[in-house]
Protein backbone atom coordinates (compact mmCIF):
# COMPACT_ATOMS: atom_id res chain seq x y z
CA UNK A 1 21.76 -20.90 -58.63
CA UNK A 2 22.00 -21.70 -54.93
CA UNK A 3 23.17 -25.09 -54.55
CA UNK A 4 20.08 -26.52 -52.81
CA UNK A 5 17.52 -25.37 -55.53
CA UNK A 6 19.64 -27.37 -58.29
CA UNK A 7 18.54 -31.46 -59.01
CA UNK A 8 15.17 -32.92 -58.60
CA UNK A 9 12.99 -32.01 -55.83
CA UNK A 10 9.74 -33.64 -54.62
CA UNK A 11 6.07 -32.05 -54.98
CA UNK A 12 6.78 -31.36 -51.34
CA UNK A 13 9.80 -29.12 -51.92
CA UNK A 14 12.15 -32.16 -50.62
CA UNK A 15 15.52 -32.20 -52.32
CA UNK A 16 16.58 -35.69 -53.89
CA UNK A 17 20.49 -36.11 -53.58
CA UNK A 18 22.72 -38.45 -55.62
CA UNK A 19 24.44 -41.60 -54.30
CA UNK A 20 27.76 -39.59 -54.59
CA UNK A 21 26.56 -36.96 -52.10
CA UNK A 22 26.23 -39.62 -49.11
CA UNK A 23 29.95 -39.65 -48.91
CA UNK A 24 29.93 -35.60 -48.09
CA UNK A 25 27.22 -36.35 -45.61
CA UNK A 26 29.07 -39.18 -43.95
CA UNK A 27 32.19 -37.06 -43.73
CA UNK A 28 30.36 -34.19 -41.98
CA UNK A 29 28.19 -36.71 -39.66
CA UNK A 30 31.44 -38.58 -38.58
CA UNK A 31 33.23 -35.30 -37.52
CA UNK A 32 30.11 -34.15 -35.66
CA UNK A 33 30.14 -37.81 -33.88
CA UNK A 34 33.47 -37.73 -33.10
CA UNK A 35 33.34 -34.63 -31.32
CA UNK A 36 30.55 -35.89 -29.11
CA UNK A 37 32.70 -38.66 -28.18
CA UNK A 38 35.41 -36.72 -27.19
CA UNK A 39 32.95 -34.59 -25.45
CA UNK A 40 32.18 -37.65 -23.07
CA UNK A 41 35.25 -36.95 -20.68
CA UNK A 42 34.25 -33.50 -20.07
CA UNK A 43 31.03 -34.39 -18.41
CA UNK A 44 31.46 -34.19 -14.50
CA UNK A 45 30.21 -32.56 -11.57
CA UNK A 46 31.21 -29.24 -11.11
CA UNK A 47 31.91 -28.54 -14.76
CA UNK A 48 30.42 -25.24 -16.92
CA UNK A 49 28.52 -26.04 -19.71
CA UNK A 50 30.35 -22.97 -21.14
CA UNK A 51 33.85 -24.85 -20.83
CA UNK A 52 32.32 -27.78 -22.60
CA UNK A 53 31.11 -25.44 -25.46
CA UNK A 54 34.88 -23.88 -25.48
CA UNK A 55 36.16 -27.45 -25.81
CA UNK A 56 33.77 -28.29 -28.63
CA UNK A 57 34.43 -24.88 -30.51
CA UNK A 58 38.19 -25.70 -30.26
CA UNK A 59 37.65 -29.37 -31.77
CA UNK A 60 35.48 -27.84 -34.83
CA UNK A 61 38.55 -25.32 -35.45
CA UNK A 62 41.29 -28.05 -35.04
CA UNK A 63 39.53 -30.36 -37.59
CA UNK A 64 39.47 -27.61 -39.91
CA UNK A 65 35.62 -27.28 -40.20
CA UNK A 66 33.14 -24.73 -39.46
CA UNK A 67 30.39 -24.41 -36.72
CA UNK A 68 27.09 -24.04 -38.29
CA UNK A 69 25.48 -22.53 -34.87
CA UNK A 70 28.07 -19.81 -34.66
CA UNK A 71 26.60 -16.68 -36.00
CA UNK A 72 23.15 -18.70 -37.03
CA UNK A 73 20.61 -16.26 -36.25
CA UNK A 74 22.88 -14.32 -33.66
CA UNK A 75 23.56 -17.35 -31.71
CA UNK A 76 27.31 -17.35 -30.40
CA UNK A 77 28.09 -20.85 -29.44
CA UNK A 78 29.33 -24.28 -31.22
CA UNK A 79 26.67 -26.17 -29.27
CA UNK A 80 23.52 -25.95 -27.44
CA UNK A 81 23.64 -28.08 -23.99
CA UNK A 82 20.32 -28.43 -22.69
CA UNK A 83 20.06 -29.55 -19.04
CA UNK A 84 17.50 -31.45 -16.86
CA UNK A 85 13.95 -29.82 -18.04
CA UNK A 86 15.55 -27.69 -20.82
CA UNK A 87 14.12 -29.58 -24.00
CA UNK A 88 16.15 -27.89 -26.40
CA UNK A 89 18.42 -25.02 -27.52
CA UNK A 90 19.82 -24.44 -24.05
CA UNK A 91 22.75 -21.82 -24.22
CA UNK A 92 25.99 -22.95 -22.75
CA UNK A 93 27.20 -20.35 -19.77
CA UNK A 94 28.52 -20.35 -16.25
CA UNK A 95 25.82 -22.93 -14.91
CA UNK A 96 27.77 -25.89 -13.14
CA UNK A 97 26.82 -29.37 -13.44
CA UNK A 98 25.38 -31.05 -10.54
CA UNK A 99 25.56 -34.54 -9.68
CA UNK A 100 22.45 -36.60 -11.32
CA UNK A 101 21.99 -33.75 -14.02
CA UNK A 102 21.34 -35.09 -17.29
CA UNK A 103 22.19 -33.03 -20.54
CA UNK A 104 21.67 -33.03 -24.33
CA UNK A 105 24.56 -31.82 -26.36
CA UNK A 106 23.88 -30.95 -29.94
CA UNK A 107 26.56 -29.89 -32.50
CA UNK A 108 26.11 -29.13 -36.26
CA UNK A 109 29.51 -28.96 -38.33
CA UNK A 110 30.36 -27.91 -41.81
CA UNK A 111 32.38 -30.05 -43.78
CA UNK A 112 33.15 -28.93 -47.63
CA UNK A 113 29.84 -27.49 -47.50
CA UNK A 114 27.85 -30.54 -46.06
CA UNK A 115 26.20 -30.18 -42.73
CA UNK A 116 26.36 -33.02 -40.15
CA UNK A 117 23.65 -32.52 -37.19
CA UNK A 118 23.63 -34.91 -34.24
CA UNK A 119 22.90 -34.83 -30.64
CA UNK A 120 22.91 -37.12 -27.62
CA UNK A 121 22.38 -37.36 -23.76
CA UNK A 122 25.11 -37.33 -21.12
CA UNK A 123 25.07 -37.45 -17.15
CA UNK A 124 27.01 -36.00 -14.54
CA UNK A 125 27.68 -38.02 -11.49
CA UNK A 126 25.34 -40.80 -10.82
CA UNK A 127 22.44 -41.23 -13.23
CA UNK A 128 18.83 -41.16 -11.12
CA UNK A 129 16.67 -44.20 -12.09
CA UNK A 130 14.10 -42.22 -13.44
CA UNK A 131 16.23 -40.28 -15.82
CA UNK A 132 17.67 -43.43 -17.00
CA UNK A 133 14.65 -44.83 -17.94
CA UNK A 134 13.70 -41.50 -19.79
CA UNK A 135 16.96 -41.78 -21.68
CA UNK A 136 16.64 -45.40 -22.69
CA UNK A 137 12.90 -44.46 -23.94
CA UNK A 138 14.11 -41.58 -25.89
CA UNK A 139 17.14 -43.28 -27.48
CA UNK A 140 14.94 -46.56 -28.45
CA UNK A 141 12.00 -44.16 -29.75
CA UNK A 142 14.84 -42.58 -31.99
CA UNK A 143 15.89 -45.98 -33.32
CA UNK A 144 12.16 -47.26 -33.87
CA UNK A 145 11.83 -43.99 -36.02
CA UNK A 146 14.96 -44.72 -38.20
CA UNK A 147 13.65 -48.65 -38.47
CA UNK A 148 10.64 -46.91 -39.88
CA UNK A 149 12.28 -45.48 -43.07
CA UNK A 150 11.99 -47.06 -46.18
CA UNK A 151 11.17 -46.05 -49.72
CA UNK A 152 7.69 -45.90 -50.42
CA UNK A 153 6.82 -45.22 -46.51
CA UNK A 154 5.82 -41.96 -45.30
CA UNK A 155 7.03 -39.42 -42.64
CA UNK A 156 3.70 -40.16 -40.94
CA UNK A 157 5.20 -43.77 -40.34
CA UNK A 158 8.12 -42.27 -38.77
CA UNK A 159 6.08 -40.24 -36.55
CA UNK A 160 3.72 -42.73 -35.39
CA UNK A 161 6.61 -45.33 -34.56
CA UNK A 162 8.07 -42.83 -32.31
CA UNK A 163 4.79 -41.58 -30.77
CA UNK A 164 3.07 -44.78 -30.15
CA UNK A 165 6.22 -46.29 -28.62
CA UNK A 166 6.85 -43.18 -26.24
CA UNK A 167 3.25 -43.03 -25.08
CA UNK A 168 3.13 -46.60 -24.44
CA UNK A 169 5.73 -45.85 -21.91
CA UNK A 170 3.76 -43.27 -20.26
CA UNK A 171 5.77 -40.54 -21.51
CA UNK A 172 5.00 -37.55 -23.98
CA UNK A 173 6.47 -36.47 -27.23
CA UNK A 174 7.31 -32.54 -27.81
CA UNK A 175 5.29 -31.24 -30.62
CA UNK A 176 6.73 -27.55 -30.77
CA UNK A 177 10.16 -28.78 -32.47
CA UNK A 178 10.62 -31.36 -35.14
CA UNK A 179 13.57 -32.84 -37.34
CA UNK A 180 14.52 -31.31 -40.58
CA UNK A 181 15.96 -31.64 -44.21
CA UNK A 182 19.51 -30.88 -44.42
CA UNK A 183 22.52 -31.37 -46.79
CA UNK A 184 24.16 -28.68 -48.25
CA UNK A 185 22.09 -26.41 -45.99
CA UNK A 186 21.64 -26.44 -42.52
CA UNK A 187 17.63 -26.70 -42.55
CA UNK A 188 15.30 -27.54 -45.41
CA UNK A 189 11.87 -29.23 -45.99
CA UNK A 190 10.79 -31.52 -44.85
CA UNK A 191 9.63 -31.02 -41.28
CA UNK A 192 10.12 -34.23 -39.74
CA UNK A 193 7.36 -34.74 -37.05
CA UNK A 194 7.86 -37.15 -34.19
CA UNK A 195 4.22 -37.90 -33.85
CA UNK A 196 1.69 -38.77 -36.55
CA UNK A 197 -0.69 -41.39 -38.31
CA UNK A 198 0.53 -44.35 -40.55
CA UNK A 199 0.39 -43.69 -44.35
CA UNK A 200 0.23 -39.77 -43.87
CA UNK A 201 2.86 -37.06 -44.84
CA UNK A 202 5.30 -36.93 -47.88
CA UNK A 203 6.40 -40.32 -49.23
CA UNK A 204 9.99 -41.30 -48.44
CA UNK A 205 12.20 -41.86 -51.45
CA UNK A 206 15.83 -42.70 -51.72
CA UNK A 207 18.10 -39.91 -51.81
CA UNK A 208 16.36 -37.69 -49.18
CA UNK A 209 18.69 -36.56 -46.16
CA UNK A 210 17.23 -35.60 -42.84
CA UNK A 211 17.45 -35.48 -39.29
CA UNK A 212 15.03 -37.36 -36.86
CA UNK A 213 15.65 -36.13 -33.46
CA UNK A 214 12.63 -36.84 -30.89
CA UNK A 215 12.38 -34.77 -27.69
CA UNK A 216 10.53 -36.93 -24.81
CA UNK A 217 9.32 -35.61 -21.72
CA UNK A 218 8.52 -37.43 -18.39
CA UNK A 219 5.60 -35.23 -17.90
CA UNK A 220 3.41 -33.31 -20.40
CA UNK A 221 4.70 -32.52 -23.94
CA UNK A 222 4.09 -28.55 -23.50
CA UNK A 223 7.09 -26.12 -23.69
CA UNK A 224 7.97 -22.73 -23.45
CA UNK A 225 10.93 -20.67 -24.54
CA UNK A 226 12.52 -18.40 -22.37
CA UNK A 227 13.44 -14.60 -22.54
CA UNK A 228 16.42 -15.28 -24.09
CA UNK A 229 14.32 -16.10 -27.06
CA UNK A 230 16.39 -19.70 -27.40
CA UNK A 231 15.90 -21.92 -24.61
CA UNK A 232 13.02 -23.96 -24.41
CA UNK A 233 11.94 -25.62 -21.34
CA UNK A 234 8.86 -28.06 -20.23
CA UNK A 235 6.23 -26.18 -18.99
CA UNK A 236 5.57 -28.60 -16.10
CA UNK A 237 9.40 -28.50 -15.27
CA UNK A 238 9.35 -32.42 -15.84
CA UNK A 239 12.72 -33.81 -17.22
CA UNK A 240 13.49 -34.03 -20.95
CA UNK A 241 15.63 -36.08 -23.28
CA UNK A 242 16.81 -36.09 -26.69
CA UNK A 243 18.73 -37.97 -29.51
CA UNK A 244 19.46 -37.13 -33.01
CA UNK A 245 20.87 -38.80 -36.05
CA UNK A 246 21.43 -37.42 -39.44
CA UNK A 247 20.17 -40.11 -42.13
CA UNK A 248 20.01 -40.72 -45.77
CA UNK A 249 17.23 -42.84 -47.26
CA UNK A 250 18.63 -45.77 -48.97
CA UNK A 251 16.88 -48.21 -51.33
CA UNK A 252 16.21 -50.71 -48.71
CA UNK A 253 16.13 -48.26 -45.52
CA UNK A 254 18.26 -45.53 -43.84
CA UNK A 255 22.15 -44.82 -43.58
CA UNK A 256 22.98 -43.02 -40.37
CA UNK A 257 25.56 -40.46 -40.96
CA UNK A 258 26.28 -39.78 -37.20
CA UNK A 259 26.89 -43.14 -35.76
CA UNK A 260 29.22 -42.97 -32.84
CA UNK A 261 33.10 -44.18 -33.89
CA UNK A 262 33.63 -45.12 -30.38
CA UNK A 263 30.22 -46.86 -29.89
CA UNK A 264 29.39 -44.04 -27.05
CA UNK A 265 26.12 -42.70 -28.43
CA UNK A 266 24.26 -43.80 -25.36
CA UNK A 267 25.27 -42.35 -22.08
CA UNK A 268 25.75 -45.67 -20.02
CA UNK A 269 28.70 -46.48 -22.58
CA UNK A 270 30.20 -42.94 -22.23
CA UNK A 271 30.20 -42.76 -18.24
CA UNK A 272 31.21 -46.17 -17.57
C-alpha cells in the first residue's frame, strides 16, 4: 500500500500524521531552510538565476538529500526562481539580476522520505521602497495565516486572515495558486487557499501537514502562464512577492518546520 494511503484520513481526504512524524518533517524542513540561508550570499547584481540554481543543486547533493523538483513533471532544476513580476515557477537560466530586482526562491528537498518545502524573498542591490512594502506585507500575511492555525479552526479562517490583511493594504492575493498538503509526498490534500470566509472549508486537526505560501501582487490578482508551461506572471506586469513555510498542526497551534536557522527568512536580514 502507498505510504500516503496508510493511517487515518479525514472525510476531506487529508492525512493525519502521528506525533513521531513531526521529527521527519523538521529534518527535511530545516535542510530546505538552511539551503535558503546559504543562498543569501549568492544574490547580487549581475548574478544569473542559473548559477544560483546550480549552487542549490550542489547543496542538496552534498547534504545527501534529493531534490523534489528535478524530474517533477519534466522540470529540470532544484529550485524555482521568480523575479519581479513572475508570480511563481520561474525557471532558472541565463537571466542576470539587475539593481533593485526582487526574487523568490522556492526549494523542496526529500530527506528520508519526508518533504521540506519553503520559499522566501531576496533582493539584488538596493531594495526599492514599493518592493520593500510589498515584501513586508507578504511576509506579515504568511505569519497571520500561520497564527490562524489551531485545531477546530478551518482553512477558510487561514485564507480570510491573509486576504483581509492584504486587501486592507491595497494589494491583492493571487487566487490561481495555493498551498498544499505534504509529508511523505510532494502534493496532497488539502488545497490551502490564501483567501476565503471564516468558518468555511475543512476543519483543522492536530497532525495535519501543509504549506501556507501566499503570493501577493502590487496590482491586480490575475496571472497568466507563459509558453514554457511553468512560468506564471502577473497579467498587469505588477510586482509580486511570496513567502512559504511548511507547518504541522499541533494541539495548540502550528509548528513551523522551515524556520530559518540563521534568522534570514526576511530579505532585510539577509542583505544587511
